[in-house]
């Protein structure tokens, strides 16, 4: 009777053939059959949200975008800067702005902070001769770079906090709003946006980027809107190497008058 099952010897020969071994007496060795595992195809990741891709950018944007609606008190608390208490102390700080730059590696504005601020103030004195608070804000608007070096997003807030007690709320607000006005102009004036200096373009993101439509409308309603825009335009224009402007000490009488007016206002 025939046996239909496989004998143990036959099973061993099949196993040895698959393993690449020769069976005794069965001829040359049989090549092993190697079974490659299936290629691993990673599952596609879901697209990351903007919050996941740019967490630091969004944190800075949230902080900067709320600046236009902050109260003066909140600006002071946010900056934690020691107030400047005299005109002499203020001019000592301005003296430190000579050969100080808006970026630590000097890759920003082509003139130092003191030269830039004096050019800005001179433009404002020419165009707004009756608004000494605006002129003084132009003279001081970048002192935050010296108070907290490297904090480009917060330099307006730092400068505002430092001069508020000495020069009054309006001068402080204009110093703080010159960054906000930049964001407004970039959002609403394509010609202005295209003309930004390389350094202003680099720092725009850290400062919050262009305003949203809602932020634009909020800023338009600010009582210092027009003056802040004037300061910003002078800020962008006052970066000319070698331009001859009035020396710093020529501004002392103007600053002294603004400080005296702020002192009188506090007593009322």
C-alpha atoms as a PDB file:
ATOM      1  CA  UNK A   1       0.000   0.000   0.000  1.00  0.00           C
ATOM      2  CA  UNK A   2       1.338   3.393  -1.013  1.00  0.00           C
ATOM      3  CA  UNK A   3       1.960   5.950   1.719  1.00  0.00           C
ATOM      4  CA  UNK A   4       0.593   9.354   0.646  1.00  0.00           C
ATOM      5  CA  UNK A   5       2.316  11.251   3.485  1.00  0.00           C
ATOM      6  CA  UNK A   6       5.863  12.622   3.352  1.00  0.00           C
ATOM      7  CA  UNK A   7       8.572  10.578   4.923  1.00  0.00           C
ATOM      8  CA  UNK A   8      10.845  12.170   7.593  1.00  0.00           C
ATOM      9  CA  UNK A   9      13.790  11.998   5.175  1.00  0.00           C
ATOM     10  CA  UNK A  10      11.911  13.911   2.514  1.00  0.00           C
ATOM     11  CA  UNK A  11      10.931  16.591   5.001  1.00  0.00           C
ATOM     12  CA  UNK A  12      14.528  16.982   6.090  1.00  0.00           C
ATOM     13  CA  UNK A  13      15.661  17.363   2.476  1.00  0.00           C
ATOM     14  CA  UNK A  14      13.113  20.137   1.862  1.00  0.00           C
ATOM     15  CA  UNK A  15      14.165  21.964   5.042  1.00  0.00           C
ATOM     16  CA  UNK A  16      17.847  21.744   4.126  1.00  0.00           C
ATOM     17  CA  UNK A  17      17.183  23.018   0.624  1.00  0.00           C
ATOM     18  CA  UNK A  18      15.402  26.103   1.890  1.00  0.00           C
ATOM     19  CA  UNK A  19      18.192  26.719   4.396  1.00  0.00           C
ATOM     20  CA  UNK A  20      20.792  26.472   1.648  1.00  0.00           C
ATOM     21  CA  UNK A  21      22.292  23.171   2.838  1.00  0.00           C
ATOM     22  CA  UNK A  22      23.013  20.202   0.651  1.00  0.00           C
ATOM     23  CA  UNK A  23      21.410  16.930   1.540  1.00  0.00           C
ATOM     24  CA  UNK A  24      23.892  14.051   1.601  1.00  0.00           C
ATOM     25  CA  UNK A  25      23.754  12.206  -1.619  1.00  0.00           C
ATOM     26  CA  UNK A  26      21.303  14.606  -3.231  1.00  0.00           C
ATOM     27  CA  UNK A  27      23.634  16.622  -5.524  1.00  0.00           C
ATOM     28  CA  UNK A  28      24.887  20.217  -5.279  1.00  0.00           C
ATOM     29  CA  UNK A  29      23.671  22.589  -2.605  1.00  0.00           C
ATOM     30  CA  UNK A  30      20.464  24.432  -3.291  1.00  0.00           C
ATOM     31  CA  UNK A  31      20.584  28.288  -3.171  1.00  0.00           C
ATOM     32  CA  UNK A  32      18.845  29.702  -0.114  1.00  0.00           C
ATOM     33  CA  UNK A  33      15.594  31.536  -0.611  1.00  0.00           C
ATOM     34  CA  UNK A  34      15.736  34.844   1.279  1.00  0.00           C
ATOM     35  CA  UNK A  35      12.466  36.591   1.913  1.00  0.00           C
ATOM     36  CA  UNK A  36      12.899  40.328   2.352  1.00  0.00           C
ATOM     37  CA  UNK A  37      10.605  42.028   4.767  1.00  0.00           C
ATOM     38  CA  UNK A  38       8.152  44.477   3.275  1.00  0.00           C
ATOM     39  CA  UNK A  39       9.472  48.038   3.030  1.00  0.00           C
ATOM     40  CA  UNK A  40       8.314  50.226   5.890  1.00  0.00           C
ATOM     41  CA  UNK A  41       6.240  53.088   4.560  1.00  0.00           C
ATOM     42  CA  UNK A  42       5.842  55.732   7.260  1.00  0.00           C
ATOM     43  CA  UNK A  43       2.404  57.053   7.803  1.00  0.00           C
ATOM     44  CA  UNK A  44       2.028  60.633   6.583  1.00  0.00           C
ATOM     45  CA  UNK A  45       2.067  63.099   9.454  1.00  0.00           C
ATOM     46  CA  UNK A  46      -0.839  65.479   9.709  1.00  0.00           C
ATOM     47  CA  UNK A  47       0.133  69.036   8.749  1.00  0.00           C
ATOM     48  CA  UNK A  48       1.333  71.070  11.700  1.00  0.00           C
ATOM     49  CA  UNK A  49      -0.609  74.073  12.730  1.00  0.00           C
ATOM     50  CA  UNK A  50       0.888  77.543  12.629  1.00  0.00           C
ATOM     51  CA  UNK A  51       1.069  77.453  16.423  1.00  0.00           C
ATOM     52  CA  UNK A  52       3.190  74.287  16.281  1.00  0.00           C
ATOM     53  CA  UNK A  53       5.489  75.516  13.528  1.00  0.00           C
ATOM     54  CA  UNK A  54       6.147  79.013  14.867  1.00  0.00           C
ATOM     55  CA  UNK A  55       5.501  79.039  18.623  1.00  0.00           C
ATOM     56  CA  UNK A  56       8.062  81.747  19.381  1.00  0.00           C
ATOM     57  CA  UNK A  57       6.902  83.950  16.523  1.00  0.00           C
ATOM     58  CA  UNK A  58       3.299  83.707  17.646  1.00  0.00           C
ATOM     59  CA  UNK A  59       4.229  84.473  21.245  1.00  0.00           C
ATOM     60  CA  UNK A  60       6.076  87.610  20.132  1.00  0.00           C
ATOM     61  CA  UNK A  61       3.237  88.543  17.772  1.00  0.00           C
ATOM     62  CA  UNK A  62       0.651  88.205  20.529  1.00  0.00           C
ATOM     63  CA  UNK A  63       2.690  90.472  22.777  1.00  0.00           C
ATOM     64  CA  UNK A  64       3.404  93.080  20.120  1.00  0.00           C
ATOM     65  CA  UNK A  65      -0.071  93.059  18.566  1.00  0.00           C
ATOM     66  CA  UNK A  66      -1.649  93.980  21.895  1.00  0.00           C
ATOM     67  CA  UNK A  67       0.636  96.980  22.342  1.00  0.00           C
ATOM     68  CA  UNK A  68      -1.732  99.407  20.611  1.00  0.00           C
ATOM     69  CA  UNK A  69      -4.464  98.638  23.128  1.00  0.00           C
ATOM     70  CA  UNK A  70      -2.396  98.595  26.294  1.00  0.00           C
ATOM     71  CA  UNK A  71      -2.857 101.228  28.929  1.00  0.00           C
ATOM     72  CA  UNK A  72       0.065 103.419  29.923  1.00  0.00           C
ATOM     73  CA  UNK A  73       0.221 101.653  33.284  1.00  0.00           C
ATOM     74  CA  UNK A  74       0.563  98.262  31.628  1.00  0.00           C
ATOM     75  CA  UNK A  75       3.389  99.505  29.435  1.00  0.00           C
ATOM     76  CA  UNK A  76       5.330 100.621  32.496  1.00  0.00           C
ATOM     77  CA  UNK A  77       4.721  97.361  34.326  1.00  0.00           C
ATOM     78  CA  UNK A  78       5.735  95.304  31.295  1.00  0.00           C
ATOM     79  CA  UNK A  79       9.082  97.029  30.837  1.00  0.00           C
ATOM     80  CA  UNK A  80      10.280  97.247  34.476  1.00  0.00           C
ATOM     81  CA  UNK A  81      12.737 100.003  33.651  1.00  0.00           C
ATOM     82  CA  UNK A  82      14.099 102.410  36.268  1.00  0.00           C
ATOM     83  CA  UNK A  83      12.565 105.825  35.501  1.00  0.00           C
ATOM     84  CA  UNK A  84      14.820 108.712  34.459  1.00  0.00           C
ATOM     85  CA  UNK A  85      14.265 111.434  37.043  1.00  0.00           C
ATOM     86  CA  UNK A  86      16.064 114.500  35.638  1.00  0.00           C
ATOM     87  CA  UNK A  87      16.967 116.228  32.405  1.00  0.00           C
ATOM     88  CA  UNK A  88      20.648 115.817  33.286  1.00  0.00           C
ATOM     89  CA  UNK A  89      20.221 112.055  33.663  1.00  0.00           C
ATOM     90  CA  UNK A  90      18.369 111.918  30.368  1.00  0.00           C
ATOM     91  CA  UNK A  91      21.131 113.735  28.508  1.00  0.00           C
ATOM     92  CA  UNK A  92      23.719 111.473  30.124  1.00  0.00           C
ATOM     93  CA  UNK A  93      21.808 108.516  28.661  1.00  0.00           C
ATOM     94  CA  UNK A  94      21.616 110.206  25.265  1.00  0.00           C
ATOM     95  CA  UNK A  95      25.382 110.717  25.373  1.00  0.00           C
ATOM     96  CA  UNK A  96      25.694 106.944  25.721  1.00  0.00           C
ATOM     97  CA  UNK A  97      23.787 106.569  22.452  1.00  0.00           C
ATOM     98  CA  UNK A  98      26.799 107.924  20.568  1.00  0.00           C
ATOM     99  CA  UNK A  99      28.554 104.952  18.975  1.00  0.00           C
ATOM    100  CA  UNK A 100      25.735 102.698  20.191  1.00  0.00           C
ATOM    101  CA  UNK A 101      23.782 100.781  17.563  1.00  0.00           C
ATOM    102  CA  UNK A 102      20.317  99.349  17.198  1.00  0.00           C
ATOM    103  CA  UNK A 103      21.743  95.848  16.704  1.00  0.00           C
ATOM    104  CA  UNK A 104      24.676  94.366  18.656  1.00  0.00           C
ATOM    105  CA  UNK A 105      26.500  93.347  15.465  1.00  0.00           C
ATOM    106  CA  UNK A 106      25.955  96.751  13.792  1.00  0.00           C
ATOM    107  CA  UNK A 107      24.075  95.134  10.930  1.00  0.00           C
ATOM    108  CA  UNK A 108      21.082  97.446  11.363  1.00  0.00           C
ATOM    109  CA  UNK A 109      20.829 101.185  10.763  1.00  0.00           C
ATOM    110  CA  UNK A 110      23.856 102.745   9.030  1.00  0.00           C
ATOM    111  CA  UNK A 111      24.186 105.487  11.682  1.00  0.00           C
ATOM    112  CA  UNK A 112      24.492 105.209  15.456  1.00  0.00           C
ATOM    113  CA  UNK A 113      21.493 105.741  17.719  1.00  0.00           C
ATOM    114  CA  UNK A 114      22.340 109.313  18.725  1.00  0.00           C
ATOM    115  CA  UNK A 115      22.861 110.404  15.121  1.00  0.00           C
ATOM    116  CA  UNK A 116      19.645 108.667  14.055  1.00  0.00           C
ATOM    117  CA  UNK A 117      17.568 110.137  16.885  1.00  0.00           C
ATOM    118  CA  UNK A 118      18.857 113.663  16.216  1.00  0.00           C
ATOM    119  CA  UNK A 119      18.013 113.355  12.537  1.00  0.00           C
ATOM    120  CA  UNK A 120      14.525 112.145  13.435  1.00  0.00           C
ATOM    121  CA  UNK A 121      13.982 115.023  15.883  1.00  0.00           C
ATOM    122  CA  UNK A 122      15.238 117.562  13.347  1.00  0.00           C
ATOM    123  CA  UNK A 123      12.741 116.360  10.740  1.00  0.00           C
ATOM    124  CA  UNK A 124       9.919 116.623  13.249  1.00  0.00           C
ATOM    125  CA  UNK A 125      10.994 120.121  14.289  1.00  0.00           C
ATOM    126  CA  UNK A 126      10.933 121.173  10.643  1.00  0.00           C
ATOM    127  CA  UNK A 127       7.508 119.656   9.899  1.00  0.00           C
ATOM    128  CA  UNK A 128       5.810 120.184  13.292  1.00  0.00           C
ATOM    129  CA  UNK A 129       7.414 123.295  14.797  1.00  0.00           C
ATOM    130  CA  UNK A 130       4.637 123.782  17.353  1.00  0.00           C
ATOM    131  CA  UNK A 131       4.646 120.239  18.729  1.00  0.00           C
ATOM    132  CA  UNK A 132       7.636 120.051  21.075  1.00  0.00           C
ATOM    133  CA  UNK A 133       6.414 116.837  22.698  1.00  0.00           C
ATOM    134  CA  UNK A 134       6.529 115.116  19.310  1.00  0.00           C
ATOM    135  CA  UNK A 135      10.000 116.512  18.619  1.00  0.00           C
ATOM    136  CA  UNK A 136      11.300 115.287  21.973  1.00  0.00           C
ATOM    137  CA  UNK A 137       9.731 111.868  21.408  1.00  0.00           C
ATOM    138  CA  UNK A 138      11.690 111.706  18.156  1.00  0.00           C
ATOM    139  CA  UNK A 139      14.887 112.593  19.991  1.00  0.00           C
ATOM    140  CA  UNK A 140      14.334 109.767  22.489  1.00  0.00           C
ATOM    141  CA  UNK A 141      12.495 107.095  20.581  1.00  0.00           C
ATOM    142  CA  UNK A 142      15.360 104.590  20.368  1.00  0.00           C
ATOM    143  CA  UNK A 143      16.902 104.911  23.846  1.00  0.00           C
ATOM    144  CA  UNK A 144      15.352 101.517  24.653  1.00  0.00           C
ATOM    145  CA  UNK A 145      18.109  99.921  22.566  1.00  0.00           C
ATOM    146  CA  UNK A 146      20.630 101.221  25.105  1.00  0.00           C
ATOM    147  CA  UNK A 147      18.492 100.433  28.157  1.00  0.00           C
ATOM    148  CA  UNK A 148      17.971  96.796  27.132  1.00  0.00           C
ATOM    149  CA  UNK A 149      20.425  95.893  24.342  1.00  0.00           C
ATOM    150  CA  UNK A 150      19.192  93.272  21.923  1.00  0.00           C
ATOM    151  CA  UNK A 151      15.478  93.554  22.740  1.00  0.00           C
ATOM    152  CA  UNK A 152      14.293  95.013  19.466  1.00  0.00           C
ATOM    153  CA  UNK A 153      10.666  94.015  19.969  1.00  0.00           C
ATOM    154  CA  UNK A 154      10.494  95.760  23.334  1.00  0.00           C
ATOM    155  CA  UNK A 155      12.719  98.793  22.830  1.00  0.00           C
ATOM    156  CA  UNK A 156       9.792 101.184  22.381  1.00  0.00           C
ATOM    157  CA  UNK A 157       8.162  99.964  25.578  1.00  0.00           C
ATOM    158  CA  UNK A 158      11.414 100.267  27.543  1.00  0.00           C
ATOM    159  CA  UNK A 159      12.035 103.803  26.341  1.00  0.00           C
ATOM    160  CA  UNK A 160       8.469 104.840  27.138  1.00  0.00           C
ATOM    161  CA  UNK A 161       8.721 103.524  30.684  1.00  0.00           C
ATOM    162  CA  UNK A 162      12.004 105.332  31.273  1.00  0.00           C
ATOM    163  CA  UNK A 163      10.763 108.824  30.313  1.00  0.00           C
ATOM    164  CA  UNK A 164       7.130 108.744  31.402  1.00  0.00           C
ATOM    165  CA  UNK A 165       7.646 110.308  34.802  1.00  0.00           C
ATOM    166  CA  UNK A 166       9.978 113.027  33.521  1.00  0.00           C
ATOM    167  CA  UNK A 167       8.350 114.020  30.243  1.00  0.00           C
ATOM    168  CA  UNK A 168       4.720 113.014  30.612  1.00  0.00           C
ATOM    169  CA  UNK A 169       2.301 110.455  29.250  1.00  0.00           C
ATOM    170  CA  UNK A 170       2.095 111.733  25.661  1.00  0.00           C
ATOM    171  CA  UNK A 171       5.839 111.723  25.029  1.00  0.00           C
ATOM    172  CA  UNK A 172       6.033 108.236  26.540  1.00  0.00           C
ATOM    173  CA  UNK A 173       3.150 106.965  24.415  1.00  0.00           C
ATOM    174  CA  UNK A 174       4.692 108.313  21.221  1.00  0.00           C
ATOM    175  CA  UNK A 175       8.005 106.644  22.049  1.00  0.00           C
ATOM    176  CA  UNK A 176       6.178 103.369  22.579  1.00  0.00           C
ATOM    177  CA  UNK A 177       3.916 103.721  19.542  1.00  0.00           C
ATOM    178  CA  UNK A 178       6.668 104.227  16.965  1.00  0.00           C
ATOM    179  CA  UNK A 179       6.932 100.423  16.708  1.00  0.00           C
ATOM    180  CA  UNK A 180       3.154 100.054  16.496  1.00  0.00           C
ATOM    181  CA  UNK A 181       3.053 102.660  13.724  1.00  0.00           C
ATOM    182  CA  UNK A 182       5.599 100.655  11.756  1.00  0.00           C
ATOM    183  CA  UNK A 183       3.320  97.624  11.837  1.00  0.00           C
ATOM    184  CA  UNK A 184       0.382  99.803  10.733  1.00  0.00           C
ATOM    185  CA  UNK A 185       2.231 101.305   7.781  1.00  0.00           C
ATOM    186  CA  UNK A 186       3.507  97.936   6.588  1.00  0.00           C
ATOM    187  CA  UNK A 187      -0.071  96.631   6.619  1.00  0.00           C
ATOM    188  CA  UNK A 188      -1.653  99.629   4.888  1.00  0.00           C
ATOM    189  CA  UNK A 189       1.000 101.235   2.673  1.00  0.00           C
ATOM    190  CA  UNK A 190       2.718  98.929   0.195  1.00  0.00           C
ATOM    191  CA  UNK A 191       5.101 101.691  -0.901  1.00  0.00           C
ATOM    192  CA  UNK A 192       6.228 102.232   2.679  1.00  0.00           C
ATOM    193  CA  UNK A 193       6.617  98.487   3.211  1.00  0.00           C
ATOM    194  CA  UNK A 194       8.784  98.153   0.104  1.00  0.00           C
ATOM    195  CA  UNK A 195      10.987 101.032   1.224  1.00  0.00           C
ATOM    196  CA  UNK A 196      11.795  99.599   4.664  1.00  0.00           C
ATOM    197  CA  UNK A 197      15.488  99.291   5.371  1.00  0.00           C
ATOM    198  CA  UNK A 198      16.965  95.807   5.546  1.00  0.00           C
ATOM    199  CA  UNK A 199      17.205  96.003   9.330  1.00  0.00           C
ATOM    200  CA  UNK A 200      13.582  97.130   9.665  1.00  0.00           C
ATOM    201  CA  UNK A 201      12.477  94.234   7.497  1.00  0.00           C
ATOM    202  CA  UNK A 202      14.409  91.771   9.667  1.00  0.00           C
ATOM    203  CA  UNK A 203      12.980  93.105  12.918  1.00  0.00           C
ATOM    204  CA  UNK A 204       9.390  93.355  11.703  1.00  0.00           C
ATOM    205  CA  UNK A 205       8.560  89.752  12.585  1.00  0.00           C
ATOM    206  CA  UNK A 206       9.944  90.097  16.110  1.00  0.00           C
ATOM    207  CA  UNK A 207       7.807  93.212  16.523  1.00  0.00           C
ATOM    208  CA  UNK A 208       4.596  91.431  15.593  1.00  0.00           C
ATOM    209  CA  UNK A 209       4.516  91.591  11.798  1.00  0.00           C
ATOM    210  CA  UNK A 210       1.978  93.603   9.797  1.00  0.00           C
ATOM    211  CA  UNK A 211      -1.190  94.533  11.660  1.00  0.00           C
ATOM    212  CA  UNK A 212      -4.356  92.546  11.196  1.00  0.00           C
ATOM    213  CA  UNK A 213      -7.404  94.422   9.866  1.00  0.00           C
ATOM    214  CA  UNK A 214      -8.843  94.582  13.393  1.00  0.00           C
ATOM    215  CA  UNK A 215      -5.597  96.024  14.761  1.00  0.00           C
ATOM    216  CA  UNK A 216      -5.542  98.602  11.979  1.00  0.00           C
ATOM    217  CA  UNK A 217      -8.984  99.877  12.925  1.00  0.00           C
ATOM    218  CA  UNK A 218      -8.091  99.983  16.614  1.00  0.00           C
ATOM    219  CA  UNK A 219      -4.939 101.972  15.936  1.00  0.00           C
ATOM    220  CA  UNK A 220      -6.752 104.449  13.666  1.00  0.00           C
ATOM    221  CA  UNK A 221      -8.937 105.362  16.642  1.00  0.00           C
ATOM    222  CA  UNK A 222      -5.948 106.104  18.903  1.00  0.00           C
ATOM    223  CA  UNK A 223      -5.779 109.816  19.838  1.00  0.00           C
ATOM    224  CA  UNK A 224      -2.051 109.824  19.083  1.00  0.00           C
ATOM    225  CA  UNK A 225      -2.474 108.079  15.719  1.00  0.00           C
ATOM    226  CA  UNK A 226      -1.380 110.988  13.495  1.00  0.00           C
ATOM    227  CA  UNK A 227       1.575 111.978  15.665  1.00  0.00           C
ATOM    228  CA  UNK A 228       2.734 108.371  15.901  1.00  0.00           C
ATOM    229  CA  UNK A 229       2.694 108.060  12.102  1.00  0.00           C
ATOM    230  CA  UNK A 230       4.664 111.295  11.767  1.00  0.00           C
ATOM    231  CA  UNK A 231       7.260 109.982  14.196  1.00  0.00           C
ATOM    232  CA  UNK A 232       7.477 106.699  12.331  1.00  0.00           C
ATOM    233  CA  UNK A 233       7.993 108.367   8.967  1.00  0.00           C
ATOM    234  CA  UNK A 234      10.735 110.555  10.436  1.00  0.00           C
ATOM    235  CA  UNK A 235      12.236 107.420  11.996  1.00  0.00           C
ATOM    236  CA  UNK A 236      12.460 105.749   8.594  1.00  0.00           C
ATOM    237  CA  UNK A 237      13.906 108.864   6.942  1.00  0.00           C
ATOM    238  CA  UNK A 238      16.511 109.764   9.575  1.00  0.00           C
ATOM    239  CA  UNK A 239      19.236 107.302   8.622  1.00  0.00           C
ATOM    240  CA  UNK A 240      21.510 109.337   6.368  1.00  0.00           C
ATOM    241  CA  UNK A 241      25.242 108.908   6.848  1.00  0.00           C
ATOM    242  CA  UNK A 242      27.066 112.197   7.318  1.00  0.00           C
ATOM    243  CA  UNK A 243      23.974 114.418   7.545  1.00  0.00           C
ATOM    244  CA  UNK A 244      24.683 117.605   9.495  1.00  0.00           C
ATOM    245  CA  UNK A 245      22.122 118.243  12.259  1.00  0.00           C
ATOM    246  CA  UNK A 246      22.013 120.273  15.472  1.00  0.00           C
ATOM    247  CA  UNK A 247      24.247 118.968  18.276  1.00  0.00           C
ATOM    248  CA  UNK A 248      22.603 117.195  21.171  1.00  0.00           C
ATOM    249  CA  UNK A 249      22.945 120.065  23.652  1.00  0.00           C
ATOM    250  CA  UNK A 250      20.870 122.322  21.380  1.00  0.00           C
ATOM    251  CA  UNK A 251      17.893 120.198  22.412  1.00  0.00           C
ATOM    252  CA  UNK A 252      18.280 120.814  26.155  1.00  0.00           C
ATOM    253  CA  UNK A 253      15.997 123.914  26.282  1.00  0.00           C
ATOM    254  CA  UNK A 254      13.246 122.080  24.416  1.00  0.00           C
ATOM    255  CA  UNK A 255      13.502 119.004  26.632  1.00  0.00           C
ATOM    256  CA  UNK A 256      13.547 121.207  29.734  1.00  0.00           C
ATOM    257  CA  UNK A 257      10.323 122.961  28.643  1.00  0.00           C
ATOM    258  CA  UNK A 258       8.578 119.638  27.990  1.00  0.00           C
ATOM    259  CA  UNK A 259       9.710 118.316  31.389  1.00  0.00           C
ATOM    260  CA  UNK A 260       8.441 121.477  33.113  1.00  0.00           C
ATOM    261  CA  UNK A 261       5.076 121.158  31.372  1.00  0.00           C
ATOM    262  CA  UNK A 262       4.800 117.516  32.460  1.00  0.00           C
ATOM    263  CA  UNK A 263       5.625 118.520  36.021  1.00  0.00           C
ATOM    264  CA  UNK A 264       2.865 121.155  36.028  1.00  0.00           C
ATOM    265  CA  UNK A 265       0.370 118.650  34.595  1.00  0.00           C
ATOM    266  CA  UNK A 266       1.129 116.190  37.387  1.00  0.00           C
ATOM    267  CA  UNK A 267       0.348 118.831  40.015  1.00  0.00           C
ATOM    268  CA  UNK A 268      -3.094 119.580  38.628  1.00  0.00           C
END
